[in-house]
N, C-alpha and C. Protein backbone atom coordinates (compact mmCIF):
# COMPACT_ATOMS: atom_id res chain seq x y z
N MET A 1 56.41 -9.41 -195.78
CA MET A 1 57.60 -11.30 -194.95
C MET A 1 58.13 -10.93 -193.70
N LYS A 2 59.15 -9.91 -193.90
CA LYS A 2 59.50 -9.68 -192.35
C LYS A 2 58.88 -9.08 -190.85
N TYR A 3 57.73 -8.83 -191.39
CA TYR A 3 56.81 -8.40 -190.69
C TYR A 3 56.19 -9.68 -190.03
N LYS A 4 55.92 -10.56 -190.86
CA LYS A 4 55.09 -11.90 -190.43
C LYS A 4 56.10 -12.79 -189.45
N TYR A 5 57.42 -12.82 -189.66
CA TYR A 5 58.44 -13.38 -188.91
C TYR A 5 58.43 -12.82 -187.75
N LEU A 6 58.30 -11.03 -187.42
CA LEU A 6 58.67 -10.30 -186.41
C LEU A 6 57.49 -10.70 -185.47
N LEU A 7 56.28 -10.93 -186.12
CA LEU A 7 55.27 -11.39 -185.52
C LEU A 7 55.44 -12.70 -184.96
N LEU A 8 55.38 -13.75 -185.53
CA LEU A 8 55.53 -15.01 -185.33
C LEU A 8 56.45 -15.42 -183.71
N VAL A 9 57.95 -14.37 -184.35
CA VAL A 9 58.81 -14.25 -182.49
C VAL A 9 58.19 -14.08 -181.55
N VAL A 10 57.29 -12.73 -181.91
CA VAL A 10 56.80 -12.36 -180.55
C VAL A 10 55.82 -12.65 -179.93
N LEU A 11 54.71 -13.59 -180.74
CA LEU A 11 53.80 -14.46 -180.56
C LEU A 11 54.48 -15.63 -179.45
N TRP A 12 55.34 -16.22 -180.17
CA TRP A 12 56.24 -17.67 -179.54
C TRP A 12 56.91 -17.12 -178.23
N ALA A 13 57.63 -15.92 -178.21
CA ALA A 13 58.22 -15.34 -177.19
C ALA A 13 56.79 -15.01 -175.64
N SER A 14 55.76 -14.80 -176.33
CA SER A 14 54.92 -14.33 -175.55
C SER A 14 54.28 -15.16 -174.80
N PHE A 15 54.47 -16.58 -175.21
CA PHE A 15 53.61 -18.14 -174.95
C PHE A 15 54.32 -18.52 -173.84
N HIS A 16 55.88 -18.86 -174.21
CA HIS A 16 56.89 -19.24 -173.97
C HIS A 16 57.46 -18.56 -172.49
N THR A 17 57.26 -17.19 -172.21
CA THR A 17 57.20 -16.69 -171.36
C THR A 17 56.11 -16.99 -169.88
N GLY A 18 55.19 -16.88 -170.90
CA GLY A 18 53.68 -17.32 -169.26
C GLY A 18 54.18 -18.74 -169.17
N LEU A 19 54.89 -19.68 -169.75
CA LEU A 19 54.42 -20.80 -169.08
C LEU A 19 55.48 -21.18 -168.10
N LYS A 20 55.16 -21.64 -166.67
CA LYS A 20 55.85 -22.22 -165.93
C LYS A 20 55.60 -23.76 -165.41
N ALA A 21 56.49 -24.65 -164.92
CA ALA A 21 56.43 -25.76 -164.50
C ALA A 21 55.61 -25.52 -163.32
N GLN A 22 55.03 -26.79 -163.53
CA GLN A 22 53.93 -27.02 -162.17
C GLN A 22 54.75 -27.44 -160.72
N THR A 23 54.41 -26.83 -159.87
CA THR A 23 54.59 -27.16 -158.54
C THR A 23 53.75 -27.71 -157.63
N LYS A 24 53.90 -28.58 -156.88
CA LYS A 24 53.46 -29.16 -156.19
C LYS A 24 53.01 -27.88 -154.89
N PRO A 25 52.41 -27.65 -154.38
CA PRO A 25 51.54 -26.97 -153.25
C PRO A 25 52.01 -27.26 -151.88
N LYS A 26 52.19 -26.44 -151.28
CA LYS A 26 52.67 -27.09 -150.02
C LYS A 26 51.80 -27.20 -149.09
N GLU A 27 52.25 -28.71 -148.27
CA GLU A 27 51.23 -29.21 -147.78
C GLU A 27 51.67 -28.86 -146.28
N THR A 28 50.10 -28.01 -145.72
CA THR A 28 50.41 -27.78 -144.29
C THR A 28 49.50 -28.41 -143.35
N LYS A 29 49.94 -28.76 -142.01
CA LYS A 29 49.32 -29.81 -141.22
C LYS A 29 49.03 -28.75 -140.50
N ILE A 30 47.50 -29.09 -140.10
CA ILE A 30 46.67 -28.63 -138.83
C ILE A 30 46.70 -29.46 -137.80
N ALA A 31 47.28 -29.08 -136.83
CA ALA A 31 47.54 -29.80 -135.80
C ALA A 31 46.06 -30.15 -134.82
N PRO A 32 45.98 -31.49 -134.63
CA PRO A 32 44.49 -31.82 -133.64
C PRO A 32 43.91 -30.83 -132.44
N TYR A 33 42.87 -30.69 -132.71
CA TYR A 33 42.81 -29.74 -131.55
C TYR A 33 41.60 -30.26 -130.67
N LYS A 34 41.32 -30.68 -129.55
CA LYS A 34 40.49 -31.33 -129.00
C LYS A 34 39.97 -30.16 -127.57
N VAL A 35 38.50 -30.01 -128.46
CA VAL A 35 37.39 -29.05 -127.86
C VAL A 35 37.67 -29.43 -126.27
N PRO A 36 38.04 -28.29 -125.52
CA PRO A 36 37.89 -28.35 -123.76
C PRO A 36 36.52 -28.89 -123.67
N LYS A 37 36.28 -29.09 -122.07
CA LYS A 37 34.93 -29.28 -121.73
C LYS A 37 34.51 -27.82 -120.89
N MET A 38 33.03 -27.41 -122.34
CA MET A 38 32.87 -26.25 -121.60
C MET A 38 31.74 -25.80 -120.83
N SER A 39 31.05 -24.87 -119.81
CA SER A 39 29.93 -24.66 -119.99
C SER A 39 29.28 -23.45 -120.05
N THR A 40 27.93 -23.67 -120.18
CA THR A 40 27.21 -22.03 -120.22
C THR A 40 26.24 -21.56 -119.15
N LEU A 41 26.76 -20.65 -118.91
CA LEU A 41 26.32 -19.90 -117.93
C LEU A 41 25.29 -18.48 -118.14
N LEU A 42 24.29 -18.62 -117.22
CA LEU A 42 23.55 -17.36 -116.99
C LEU A 42 23.70 -17.45 -115.92
N GLY A 43 24.33 -15.87 -115.38
CA GLY A 43 24.48 -15.93 -114.23
C GLY A 43 25.37 -16.45 -113.51
N GLN A 44 24.72 -17.00 -112.36
CA GLN A 44 25.43 -18.42 -111.68
C GLN A 44 25.15 -19.99 -111.71
N TYR A 45 23.69 -19.90 -113.22
CA TYR A 45 23.37 -20.90 -113.49
C TYR A 45 23.75 -21.42 -114.52
N LYS A 46 24.22 -23.00 -114.66
CA LYS A 46 24.67 -23.66 -115.47
C LYS A 46 23.57 -24.80 -115.93
N ASP A 47 23.78 -25.69 -117.19
CA ASP A 47 23.13 -26.68 -117.35
C ASP A 47 21.38 -26.20 -117.18
N SER A 48 20.85 -27.65 -116.42
CA SER A 48 19.56 -27.54 -116.31
C SER A 48 19.17 -27.15 -115.07
N VAL A 49 18.37 -26.11 -114.81
CA VAL A 49 17.80 -25.72 -113.29
C VAL A 49 16.37 -25.36 -113.36
N VAL A 50 16.18 -25.29 -112.15
CA VAL A 50 14.66 -24.87 -111.55
C VAL A 50 14.73 -23.77 -110.69
N LEU A 51 13.75 -22.68 -111.22
CA LEU A 51 13.75 -21.22 -110.54
C LEU A 51 13.03 -20.86 -109.89
N PRO A 52 12.23 -20.15 -109.01
CA PRO A 52 11.11 -19.00 -109.25
C PRO A 52 11.17 -18.50 -109.99
N ARG A 53 9.66 -18.39 -110.54
CA ARG A 53 9.56 -17.25 -111.69
C ARG A 53 10.47 -15.80 -111.76
N GLN A 54 10.61 -14.98 -110.46
CA GLN A 54 11.48 -13.84 -110.23
C GLN A 54 12.84 -14.01 -110.46
N ASP A 55 13.36 -15.24 -109.98
CA ASP A 55 14.76 -15.50 -110.49
C ASP A 55 15.04 -15.86 -111.78
N VAL A 56 14.28 -16.22 -112.62
CA VAL A 56 14.03 -16.57 -113.84
C VAL A 56 14.55 -15.40 -114.64
N LEU A 57 13.67 -14.67 -114.22
CA LEU A 57 13.33 -12.80 -115.20
C LEU A 57 14.96 -12.78 -114.82
N LYS A 58 15.24 -12.53 -113.33
CA LYS A 58 16.52 -11.85 -113.12
C LYS A 58 17.97 -12.78 -113.85
N ALA A 59 17.63 -13.69 -113.93
CA ALA A 59 19.01 -14.41 -114.78
C ALA A 59 18.67 -14.52 -115.89
N LEU A 60 17.93 -14.18 -116.99
CA LEU A 60 17.56 -13.66 -118.26
C LEU A 60 18.41 -12.48 -118.61
N ALA A 61 17.87 -11.54 -117.90
CA ALA A 61 18.28 -10.32 -117.90
C ALA A 61 19.81 -10.09 -117.97
N LEU A 62 20.55 -11.15 -117.13
CA LEU A 62 22.13 -11.33 -117.08
C LEU A 62 22.77 -11.96 -118.72
N PRO A 63 23.98 -11.54 -119.42
CA PRO A 63 24.96 -12.08 -120.06
C PRO A 63 24.82 -13.29 -120.07
N LEU A 64 24.76 -14.20 -121.29
CA LEU A 64 25.18 -15.28 -121.36
C LEU A 64 26.22 -15.71 -121.51
N ARG A 65 27.26 -16.59 -121.18
CA ARG A 65 28.21 -16.41 -121.54
C ARG A 65 29.08 -18.21 -120.90
N VAL A 66 30.12 -18.58 -121.59
CA VAL A 66 30.53 -19.76 -122.26
C VAL A 66 32.16 -19.91 -121.83
N VAL A 67 32.47 -20.81 -120.86
CA VAL A 67 33.82 -21.04 -119.84
C VAL A 67 34.17 -22.26 -120.15
N ASP A 68 35.62 -22.57 -120.22
CA ASP A 68 35.91 -24.27 -120.04
C ASP A 68 36.34 -23.88 -118.21
N GLU A 69 36.73 -25.48 -118.63
CA GLU A 69 37.08 -25.72 -117.47
C GLU A 69 38.62 -25.29 -116.94
N LYS A 70 39.20 -24.31 -117.50
CA LYS A 70 40.08 -23.84 -116.70
C LYS A 70 40.13 -22.55 -116.90
N GLY A 71 39.24 -21.96 -116.86
CA GLY A 71 38.20 -20.44 -116.59
C GLY A 71 38.81 -19.78 -117.89
N VAL A 72 38.80 -20.27 -119.21
CA VAL A 72 38.69 -19.62 -120.57
C VAL A 72 37.53 -19.14 -120.93
N VAL A 73 37.53 -17.83 -121.10
CA VAL A 73 36.30 -17.01 -121.45
C VAL A 73 35.90 -16.92 -122.78
N TYR A 74 35.31 -17.62 -123.29
CA TYR A 74 34.90 -17.64 -125.01
C TYR A 74 33.49 -16.23 -125.61
N VAL A 75 34.27 -16.23 -126.15
CA VAL A 75 32.91 -15.03 -126.69
C VAL A 75 31.88 -15.75 -127.25
N VAL A 76 30.44 -15.12 -126.89
CA VAL A 76 29.16 -16.28 -127.80
C VAL A 76 29.22 -15.06 -128.56
N THR A 77 29.25 -15.70 -130.21
CA THR A 77 28.97 -15.02 -131.31
C THR A 77 27.07 -15.31 -131.73
N ASN A 78 26.59 -16.58 -131.08
CA ASN A 78 25.22 -16.17 -131.81
C ASN A 78 24.54 -17.34 -131.09
N TYR A 79 23.11 -17.53 -130.66
CA TYR A 79 22.35 -18.38 -129.79
C TYR A 79 21.18 -18.25 -130.51
N GLN A 80 20.29 -19.36 -130.10
CA GLN A 80 18.73 -19.05 -130.14
C GLN A 80 18.11 -19.42 -128.76
N VAL A 81 16.92 -18.85 -127.96
CA VAL A 81 16.26 -18.88 -127.00
C VAL A 81 15.30 -19.45 -127.52
N ALA A 82 14.43 -20.71 -126.76
CA ALA A 82 13.10 -20.98 -127.27
C ALA A 82 12.47 -20.51 -125.99
N TYR A 83 10.78 -20.63 -125.78
CA TYR A 83 10.47 -20.78 -124.74
C TYR A 83 9.02 -21.22 -124.98
N LYS A 84 9.13 -22.20 -123.71
CA LYS A 84 7.78 -23.29 -124.29
C LYS A 84 6.85 -22.71 -122.84
N GLN A 85 5.52 -22.58 -124.06
CA GLN A 85 4.69 -22.00 -123.17
C GLN A 85 2.97 -22.98 -122.50
N MET A 86 3.14 -23.25 -121.84
CA MET A 86 1.73 -23.74 -121.39
C MET A 86 0.22 -22.85 -121.78
N THR A 87 -0.37 -23.90 -122.39
CA THR A 87 -1.54 -23.01 -123.08
C THR A 87 -2.57 -23.91 -123.38
N VAL A 88 -3.53 -23.50 -123.95
CA VAL A 88 -4.86 -24.45 -123.74
C VAL A 88 -5.31 -25.16 -125.07
N SER A 89 -5.54 -26.10 -125.43
CA SER A 89 -6.19 -26.16 -126.68
C SER A 89 -7.73 -26.70 -126.73
N GLU A 90 -8.29 -26.71 -127.73
CA GLU A 90 -9.34 -27.29 -127.83
C GLU A 90 -10.16 -28.21 -128.56
N THR A 91 -10.63 -29.82 -128.41
CA THR A 91 -10.46 -30.76 -129.39
C THR A 91 -12.32 -30.06 -129.79
N GLU A 92 -12.79 -30.91 -130.65
CA GLU A 92 -13.50 -31.08 -131.97
C GLU A 92 -14.86 -30.64 -130.97
N ASP A 93 -14.85 -31.56 -130.03
CA ASP A 93 -16.27 -31.66 -129.26
C ASP A 93 -16.02 -30.29 -128.32
N GLY A 94 -15.32 -29.62 -128.43
CA GLY A 94 -15.26 -28.40 -127.65
C GLY A 94 -14.75 -28.12 -126.41
N LYS A 95 -14.03 -29.49 -125.94
CA LYS A 95 -12.97 -30.08 -124.95
C LYS A 95 -12.05 -29.46 -124.27
N ALA A 96 -11.58 -28.23 -123.23
CA ALA A 96 -10.39 -28.07 -123.45
C ALA A 96 -9.12 -28.79 -122.93
N ILE A 97 -8.26 -28.73 -123.44
CA ILE A 97 -6.82 -29.85 -123.10
C ILE A 97 -5.54 -29.08 -122.65
N PRO A 98 -4.91 -29.25 -122.04
CA PRO A 98 -3.76 -28.47 -121.97
C PRO A 98 -2.68 -28.88 -123.35
N ALA A 99 -2.06 -28.14 -123.60
CA ALA A 99 -1.12 -27.68 -124.65
C ALA A 99 0.27 -26.93 -124.33
N THR A 100 0.97 -26.85 -125.88
CA THR A 100 2.16 -26.08 -125.22
C THR A 100 2.37 -25.46 -126.85
N SER A 101 3.01 -24.28 -126.33
CA SER A 101 2.99 -23.57 -127.79
C SER A 101 4.83 -22.80 -127.75
N LEU A 102 5.56 -23.20 -128.46
CA LEU A 102 6.69 -22.84 -128.84
C LEU A 102 6.80 -21.59 -129.53
N SER A 103 7.53 -20.78 -128.69
CA SER A 103 8.41 -19.31 -129.57
C SER A 103 9.75 -19.19 -129.79
N SER A 104 10.21 -18.82 -130.40
CA SER A 104 11.70 -18.90 -130.50
C SER A 104 12.18 -17.55 -131.36
N GLN A 105 13.59 -17.23 -130.98
CA GLN A 105 14.41 -16.72 -131.88
C GLN A 105 15.84 -16.60 -131.67
N ARG A 106 16.36 -16.23 -132.74
CA ARG A 106 17.96 -16.57 -132.69
C ARG A 106 18.63 -14.88 -132.46
N PHE A 107 19.87 -15.09 -131.47
CA PHE A 107 20.02 -13.52 -131.23
C PHE A 107 21.71 -13.74 -131.45
N SER A 108 22.68 -12.54 -131.77
CA SER A 108 23.85 -12.47 -131.62
C SER A 108 23.97 -11.23 -130.44
N ALA A 109 23.78 -11.43 -129.80
CA ALA A 109 24.25 -10.09 -128.74
C ALA A 109 23.48 -10.60 -127.24
N THR A 110 24.38 -10.40 -126.29
CA THR A 110 23.79 -10.92 -125.13
C THR A 110 24.06 -9.65 -123.75
N PRO A 111 22.74 -9.35 -123.39
CA PRO A 111 21.77 -10.46 -122.91
C PRO A 111 20.79 -10.60 -124.34
N ILE A 112 19.82 -11.16 -123.92
CA ILE A 112 18.74 -11.17 -124.59
C ILE A 112 17.98 -9.70 -125.00
N SER A 113 17.10 -9.55 -126.15
CA SER A 113 16.94 -8.14 -126.05
C SER A 113 15.30 -7.68 -124.76
N ALA A 114 15.56 -6.87 -125.01
CA ALA A 114 14.24 -6.48 -124.00
C ALA A 114 13.14 -6.42 -124.51
N LYS A 115 12.95 -6.28 -125.74
CA LYS A 115 11.56 -7.13 -126.47
C LYS A 115 11.66 -8.71 -125.91
N TRP A 116 12.06 -9.47 -125.91
CA TRP A 116 11.81 -10.50 -125.21
C TRP A 116 11.60 -10.67 -123.72
N LEU A 117 12.16 -9.93 -123.41
CA LEU A 117 12.22 -10.18 -121.68
C LEU A 117 11.02 -9.71 -121.43
N ASP A 118 10.56 -8.31 -122.11
CA ASP A 118 8.94 -7.82 -121.54
C ASP A 118 7.98 -9.03 -121.93
N PHE A 119 8.81 -9.63 -122.89
CA PHE A 119 7.70 -10.90 -123.61
C PHE A 119 7.18 -12.01 -122.29
N LEU A 120 8.85 -12.27 -122.01
CA LEU A 120 8.72 -13.16 -120.98
C LEU A 120 8.22 -12.74 -119.58
N ASN A 121 8.81 -12.01 -119.33
CA ASN A 121 8.15 -11.31 -117.88
C ASN A 121 6.35 -11.33 -118.05
N GLU A 122 5.71 -10.79 -119.30
CA GLU A 122 4.20 -10.67 -118.78
C GLU A 122 3.95 -12.42 -119.21
N ARG A 123 4.74 -12.96 -119.79
CA ARG A 123 3.58 -14.58 -119.82
C ARG A 123 4.41 -15.49 -119.12
N LEU A 124 5.44 -15.61 -118.89
CA LEU A 124 6.26 -16.89 -117.99
C LEU A 124 5.40 -17.07 -116.62
N LYS A 125 5.26 -18.50 -116.87
CA LYS A 125 4.28 -18.80 -115.52
C LYS A 125 5.12 -20.40 -114.90
N LYS A 126 4.66 -20.99 -113.96
CA LYS A 126 4.97 -22.23 -113.35
C LYS A 126 4.95 -23.14 -114.45
N GLY A 127 6.28 -24.13 -114.60
CA GLY A 127 6.49 -25.26 -115.19
C GLY A 127 6.78 -24.63 -116.58
N GLU A 128 6.91 -23.49 -117.55
CA GLU A 128 7.14 -23.29 -118.18
C GLU A 128 8.94 -23.26 -118.61
N GLU A 129 9.18 -23.18 -119.85
CA GLU A 129 11.03 -23.57 -120.09
C GLU A 129 11.65 -22.27 -120.67
N VAL A 130 12.42 -22.23 -120.39
CA VAL A 130 13.10 -21.13 -121.36
C VAL A 130 14.64 -21.53 -121.44
N PHE A 131 14.80 -22.16 -123.09
CA PHE A 131 15.93 -23.23 -123.18
C PHE A 131 16.68 -21.88 -124.23
N PHE A 132 18.24 -22.34 -124.18
CA PHE A 132 19.35 -21.43 -124.99
C PHE A 132 19.97 -23.09 -125.58
N PHE A 133 19.90 -22.85 -127.05
CA PHE A 133 20.48 -23.94 -127.31
C PHE A 133 21.40 -23.26 -128.81
N ASP A 134 22.09 -24.22 -129.62
CA ASP A 134 22.72 -23.69 -130.71
C ASP A 134 23.36 -22.40 -130.51
N ILE A 135 24.39 -22.57 -129.36
CA ILE A 135 24.95 -21.24 -128.98
C ILE A 135 26.69 -21.42 -129.71
N ILE A 136 27.13 -20.55 -130.24
CA ILE A 136 28.02 -20.52 -130.66
C ILE A 136 28.86 -19.68 -130.03
N ALA A 137 30.35 -20.23 -129.91
CA ALA A 137 31.23 -19.43 -129.00
C ALA A 137 32.49 -19.61 -129.79
N LYS A 138 32.98 -18.62 -129.87
CA LYS A 138 35.09 -18.34 -129.97
C LYS A 138 35.77 -18.14 -128.93
N ASP A 139 36.79 -19.39 -129.16
CA ASP A 139 37.90 -19.00 -128.36
C ASP A 139 39.04 -17.73 -128.28
N PRO A 140 39.77 -17.31 -127.55
CA PRO A 140 40.97 -16.58 -127.61
C PRO A 140 41.60 -16.67 -129.23
N LYS A 141 41.47 -17.66 -129.53
CA LYS A 141 42.57 -17.65 -130.96
C LYS A 141 41.79 -17.87 -131.53
N GLY A 142 40.38 -17.75 -131.56
CA GLY A 142 38.96 -17.08 -132.67
C GLY A 142 38.52 -18.98 -133.40
N ARG A 143 39.12 -19.86 -133.13
CA ARG A 143 38.32 -20.85 -133.27
C ARG A 143 36.96 -20.88 -132.81
N VAL A 144 36.30 -21.23 -133.68
CA VAL A 144 34.30 -21.80 -133.02
C VAL A 144 33.97 -22.74 -133.20
N MET A 145 32.88 -22.75 -132.00
CA MET A 145 32.81 -24.25 -131.72
C MET A 145 31.34 -24.28 -131.03
N TYR A 146 30.72 -25.20 -130.71
CA TYR A 146 29.35 -24.71 -130.38
C TYR A 146 29.63 -25.05 -128.52
N ALA A 147 28.86 -24.71 -127.76
CA ALA A 147 28.61 -24.76 -126.43
C ALA A 147 27.16 -25.44 -126.03
N PRO A 148 27.50 -26.23 -124.53
CA PRO A 148 26.50 -26.95 -124.08
C PRO A 148 24.76 -26.02 -123.97
N ASN A 149 24.05 -26.44 -124.14
CA ASN A 149 22.79 -26.22 -124.38
C ASN A 149 22.52 -25.58 -123.02
N LEU A 150 21.43 -24.63 -122.48
CA LEU A 150 21.10 -24.26 -121.39
C LEU A 150 19.62 -24.19 -120.82
N LYS A 151 18.94 -24.83 -120.21
CA LYS A 151 17.49 -25.11 -119.46
C LYS A 151 16.95 -24.83 -118.28
N ILE A 152 16.26 -23.47 -119.08
CA ILE A 152 15.72 -22.83 -117.28
C ILE A 152 13.78 -23.07 -116.66
N ILE A 153 13.58 -23.59 -116.12
CA ILE A 153 12.42 -24.11 -115.50
C ILE A 153 12.00 -23.21 -114.37
N SER A 154 10.61 -22.78 -114.50
CA SER A 154 10.01 -21.70 -113.92
C SER A 154 9.29 -22.19 -113.24
N LEU A 155 9.21 -22.55 -111.95
CA LEU A 155 8.56 -22.78 -110.14
C LEU A 155 7.62 -21.94 -110.48
């Protein structure tokens, strides 16, 4: 009988020591952050540019950079490149008509891979486009944001 009381006292004590009053979590206020105006650069080129084929190929071998209006450099962590190629398609009656083909790949290092540079070196022609998009950059404080797209058209 005394063991039953002892067991009840031990159980009662173990339950009551584990119970604590609920406390409100501390509210942390996050300061609003205004994303600065950024530019995506490939060499000296930004936004949409039209260049001779050889200049396009030289620029594509350079690292992609993101900077803001104050000159702060952002780390490019991820981006996609699309190549819009001019091709020919055939209608049902056998006539050749102009068409386009799209090739795309995601990259996590800059500049683009040697495999893609070789691919573009072999195929890039007048009027075709290389488009950098979904560019994700980190500022020096580690904040992640999207950078503007960059389009290069070959002459």
